[in-house]
Every structure is written in C-alpha cells, then in structure tokens.
Amino acid sequence: MDKTVSTYRLAKEAGVSQSTITRLRNKERLFKNITVETLIKVQTWIDKNGK
C-alpha cells in the first residue's frame, strides 16, 4: 500500500476503517485475512486513484 497517501484519506475515500489500513500497512494484519468487501473497496480506490 502506498504510504504517501495518508491513512485518513484512504480510509475516508475508500470507506474502510483507519485501523484496518494501519494494521495492513504495519503488517499486523494480512490481506488474506480481511473480507472480500474490504479488498474490493481498497482495490476500487486504487483503480480510481492510480496508487
């Protein structure tokens, strides 16, 4: 995940909690352990924003 984008911005625009983004970035939570819904939200945000 691109750390140049703030956790707040990504969470707000993607509709995912800040704690989820933080845990993923800090490798405290693995992508394989999050819901498909969350993966879709993050991927949709990435596709729209080119990050």
N, C-alpha and C. Protein backbone atom coordinates (compact mmCIF):
# COMPACT_ATOMS: atom_id res chain seq x y z
N MET A 1 0.83 -1.17 0.00
CA MET A 1 0.00 0.00 0.00
C MET A 1 0.88 1.24 0.00
N ASP A 2 0.53 2.21 -0.82
CA ASP A 2 1.31 3.43 -0.96
C ASP A 2 1.21 4.27 0.31
N LYS A 3 2.33 4.42 1.01
CA LYS A 3 2.30 5.16 2.28
C LYS A 3 2.35 6.67 2.08
N THR A 4 2.48 7.13 0.83
CA THR A 4 2.44 8.58 0.61
C THR A 4 1.02 9.11 0.72
N VAL A 5 0.04 8.22 0.65
CA VAL A 5 -1.36 8.59 0.84
C VAL A 5 -1.67 8.40 2.32
N SER A 6 -2.24 9.42 2.94
CA SER A 6 -2.49 9.33 4.38
C SER A 6 -3.53 8.25 4.69
N THR A 7 -3.38 7.67 5.86
CA THR A 7 -4.33 6.66 6.32
C THR A 7 -5.73 7.25 6.37
N TYR A 8 -5.83 8.48 6.87
CA TYR A 8 -7.13 9.15 6.96
C TYR A 8 -7.78 9.27 5.59
N ARG A 9 -7.03 9.76 4.62
CA ARG A 9 -7.58 9.95 3.27
C ARG A 9 -8.03 8.63 2.66
N LEU A 10 -7.17 7.63 2.72
CA LEU A 10 -7.51 6.33 2.15
C LEU A 10 -8.74 5.74 2.83
N ALA A 11 -8.77 5.81 4.15
CA ALA A 11 -9.91 5.26 4.89
C ALA A 11 -11.20 5.98 4.53
N LYS A 12 -11.15 7.30 4.50
CA LYS A 12 -12.35 8.09 4.21
C LYS A 12 -12.84 7.86 2.78
N GLU A 13 -11.94 7.92 1.83
CA GLU A 13 -12.33 7.82 0.43
C GLU A 13 -12.70 6.39 0.01
N ALA A 14 -12.07 5.40 0.63
CA ALA A 14 -12.35 4.00 0.28
C ALA A 14 -13.49 3.42 1.11
N GLY A 15 -13.80 4.06 2.23
CA GLY A 15 -14.86 3.55 3.09
C GLY A 15 -14.41 2.38 3.94
N VAL A 16 -13.15 2.41 4.35
CA VAL A 16 -12.56 1.36 5.19
C VAL A 16 -12.06 2.03 6.47
N SER A 17 -12.10 1.33 7.59
CA SER A 17 -11.68 1.94 8.85
C SER A 17 -10.18 2.26 8.84
N GLN A 18 -9.83 3.32 9.56
CA GLN A 18 -8.43 3.71 9.68
C GLN A 18 -7.61 2.61 10.34
N SER A 19 -8.20 1.93 11.31
CA SER A 19 -7.46 0.87 12.00
C SER A 19 -7.13 -0.28 11.05
N THR A 20 -8.02 -0.59 10.14
CA THR A 20 -7.73 -1.64 9.15
C THR A 20 -6.57 -1.24 8.26
N ILE A 21 -6.58 -0.01 7.77
CA ILE A 21 -5.49 0.47 6.91
C ILE A 21 -4.18 0.46 7.67
N THR A 22 -4.19 0.95 8.90
CA THR A 22 -2.97 0.98 9.72
C THR A 22 -2.42 -0.42 9.95
N ARG A 23 -3.29 -1.34 10.30
CA ARG A 23 -2.84 -2.72 10.55
C ARG A 23 -2.27 -3.36 9.29
N LEU A 24 -2.88 -3.11 8.15
CA LEU A 24 -2.35 -3.65 6.90
C LEU A 24 -0.99 -3.06 6.58
N ARG A 25 -0.86 -1.76 6.75
CA ARG A 25 0.42 -1.09 6.46
C ARG A 25 1.53 -1.54 7.40
N ASN A 26 1.19 -1.80 8.65
CA ASN A 26 2.19 -2.23 9.63
C ASN A 26 2.38 -3.74 9.66
N LYS A 27 1.73 -4.41 8.75
CA LYS A 27 1.80 -5.88 8.63
C LYS A 27 1.35 -6.59 9.90
N GLU A 28 0.44 -5.95 10.62
CA GLU A 28 -0.17 -6.57 11.80
C GLU A 28 -1.38 -7.40 11.37
N ARG A 29 -1.83 -7.15 10.16
CA ARG A 29 -2.96 -7.89 9.60
C ARG A 29 -2.63 -8.19 8.15
N LEU A 30 -2.88 -9.41 7.71
CA LEU A 30 -2.57 -9.82 6.36
C LEU A 30 -3.76 -9.61 5.44
N PHE A 31 -3.48 -9.30 4.17
CA PHE A 31 -4.55 -9.11 3.20
C PHE A 31 -5.42 -10.36 3.09
N LYS A 32 -4.82 -11.53 3.23
CA LYS A 32 -5.61 -12.76 3.10
C LYS A 32 -6.61 -12.93 4.25
N ASN A 33 -6.46 -12.14 5.30
CA ASN A 33 -7.35 -12.25 6.46
C ASN A 33 -8.40 -11.15 6.55
N ILE A 34 -8.55 -10.35 5.50
CA ILE A 34 -9.60 -9.34 5.53
C ILE A 34 -10.74 -9.76 4.61
N THR A 35 -11.87 -9.13 4.77
CA THR A 35 -13.04 -9.53 4.00
C THR A 35 -12.90 -9.15 2.53
N VAL A 36 -13.62 -9.87 1.71
CA VAL A 36 -13.64 -9.57 0.28
C VAL A 36 -14.19 -8.16 0.06
N GLU A 37 -15.17 -7.78 0.85
CA GLU A 37 -15.76 -6.44 0.74
C GLU A 37 -14.69 -5.36 0.94
N THR A 38 -13.85 -5.53 1.95
CA THR A 38 -12.78 -4.57 2.21
C THR A 38 -11.77 -4.56 1.08
N LEU A 39 -11.40 -5.73 0.59
CA LEU A 39 -10.47 -5.81 -0.54
C LEU A 39 -11.02 -5.08 -1.76
N ILE A 40 -12.30 -5.27 -2.03
CA ILE A 40 -12.92 -4.61 -3.18
C ILE A 40 -12.89 -3.10 -3.01
N LYS A 41 -13.21 -2.62 -1.82
CA LYS A 41 -13.19 -1.17 -1.56
C LYS A 41 -11.80 -0.59 -1.77
N VAL A 42 -10.79 -1.25 -1.23
CA VAL A 42 -9.42 -0.75 -1.37
C VAL A 42 -8.98 -0.81 -2.83
N GLN A 43 -9.25 -1.92 -3.51
CA GLN A 43 -8.85 -2.05 -4.91
C GLN A 43 -9.57 -1.05 -5.80
N THR A 44 -10.84 -0.80 -5.53
CA THR A 44 -11.59 0.20 -6.29
C THR A 44 -10.96 1.57 -6.12
N TRP A 45 -10.57 1.90 -4.89
CA TRP A 45 -9.93 3.19 -4.63
C TRP A 45 -8.60 3.27 -5.38
N ILE A 46 -7.82 2.20 -5.35
CA ILE A 46 -6.53 2.16 -6.05
C ILE A 46 -6.75 2.35 -7.55
N ASP A 47 -7.72 1.65 -8.11
CA ASP A 47 -8.01 1.76 -9.55
C ASP A 47 -8.39 3.19 -9.94
N LYS A 48 -9.18 3.85 -9.11
CA LYS A 48 -9.63 5.22 -9.41
C LYS A 48 -8.52 6.25 -9.23
N ASN A 49 -7.61 5.99 -8.30
CA ASN A 49 -6.60 6.98 -7.95
C ASN A 49 -5.21 6.67 -8.47
N GLY A 50 -5.04 5.54 -9.10
CA GLY A 50 -3.75 5.19 -9.69
C GLY A 50 -2.62 5.02 -8.69
N LYS A 51 -2.92 4.60 -7.48
CA LYS A 51 -1.88 4.46 -6.45
C LYS A 51 -1.55 3.02 -6.24
